[in-house]
Amino acid sequence: MALLELRNVGKSYGAGATRTEVLRDIDLEIEKGEFVAVVGYSGAGKTTLMSLIAGLLQPDTGVVTLNGEAVEGPGPDRGVIFQNYSLLPWLSVYENIYLAVDQIFSSWPAEKKREHTERYIAMVKLTPARDKKPAQLSGGMRQRVAVARALAMEPEILLMDEPLGALDALTRATLQDEIARIWRATRKTVLLITNDVDEGILLADRIVPLSKGPGATLGPGVIVDLERPRDRKALNHDPRFKEIRGAVIHYLLGPGAGPKADKGVSGAAREAEAVA
């Protein structure tokens, strides 16, 4: 049995003539320890999909299960990392992470909570900034705090909703490398939502494309059988990388595309189409 399963999941918003179908017929399985990237257009319903898995929304049809149990609300077994960091501005790096640890592991002795918090601060290389407030940090550093906080909760699955989308290109590349390093160290089950095909290939074991909405659905998954750790410069010359990229792009700009569906897909995707 897969760790996470979605069966025939659908979600709409509104009522009557204004009702809009966002997702339909969503089927997905994620195994324990697997890193899966869902890649799709902006506005296609990726955040709605993540919210259904996180328990922030309930599906209109179908079921979402984790370890065979239906997801009926948020829980500590799912750690969520959002694009906007969601840090408490009056707390330091240490305090933002410690607060989550204290809530999840309330029965632990204070010293164990402190050591646990410090461990994850070190994991994301923020020990020198442990006493700084979010306003004193760069965007990349704030996202590192969000990653550390989610990991410190020791969830069954880490849900990442376009966590690098607001960052500049250089910071985004650095954080991609950090996420890959942390995943290799922890082997945490991860679901990444992104509109960047290359990011999905760099990080994931499997890419699942999401068609353009309304009524978006998942296309066929593509196994990313490239050796880790992956070097983004070397990947550009790897025939298998190009094959994987081409398969994802083919679906997004072919069967998964609506009319004039060239907007909202990463520039890398359009470049791939141009040279295909």
Foldseek 3Di string as FASTA:
>chain_A
DAQKWWAQFWAWDDDDPPIFTQAGGATDGHHQLFEEEEAEFVPSCLVVVLCCQQQVDPTPDTFIDGPRHTRNHHDLLEQEAEQVLPFDQVAFLLRRQLVLLCVLPVVDPPVVSSVLSVVLCVLLPNVVRRRPGPVVDDLLVSSSSSVSSSVSSVHQEYEYEQNCVVDDPVSSVVVLVSVQVVCVVPSHHYYYYYLELLSRLQRGQKYWYWAGDDHIYIDDIDGNPDDPPDDSVVLVVDPSSLVRLVVNLCCHVPVRYDPPRPHRHDPVSVVSVVVD
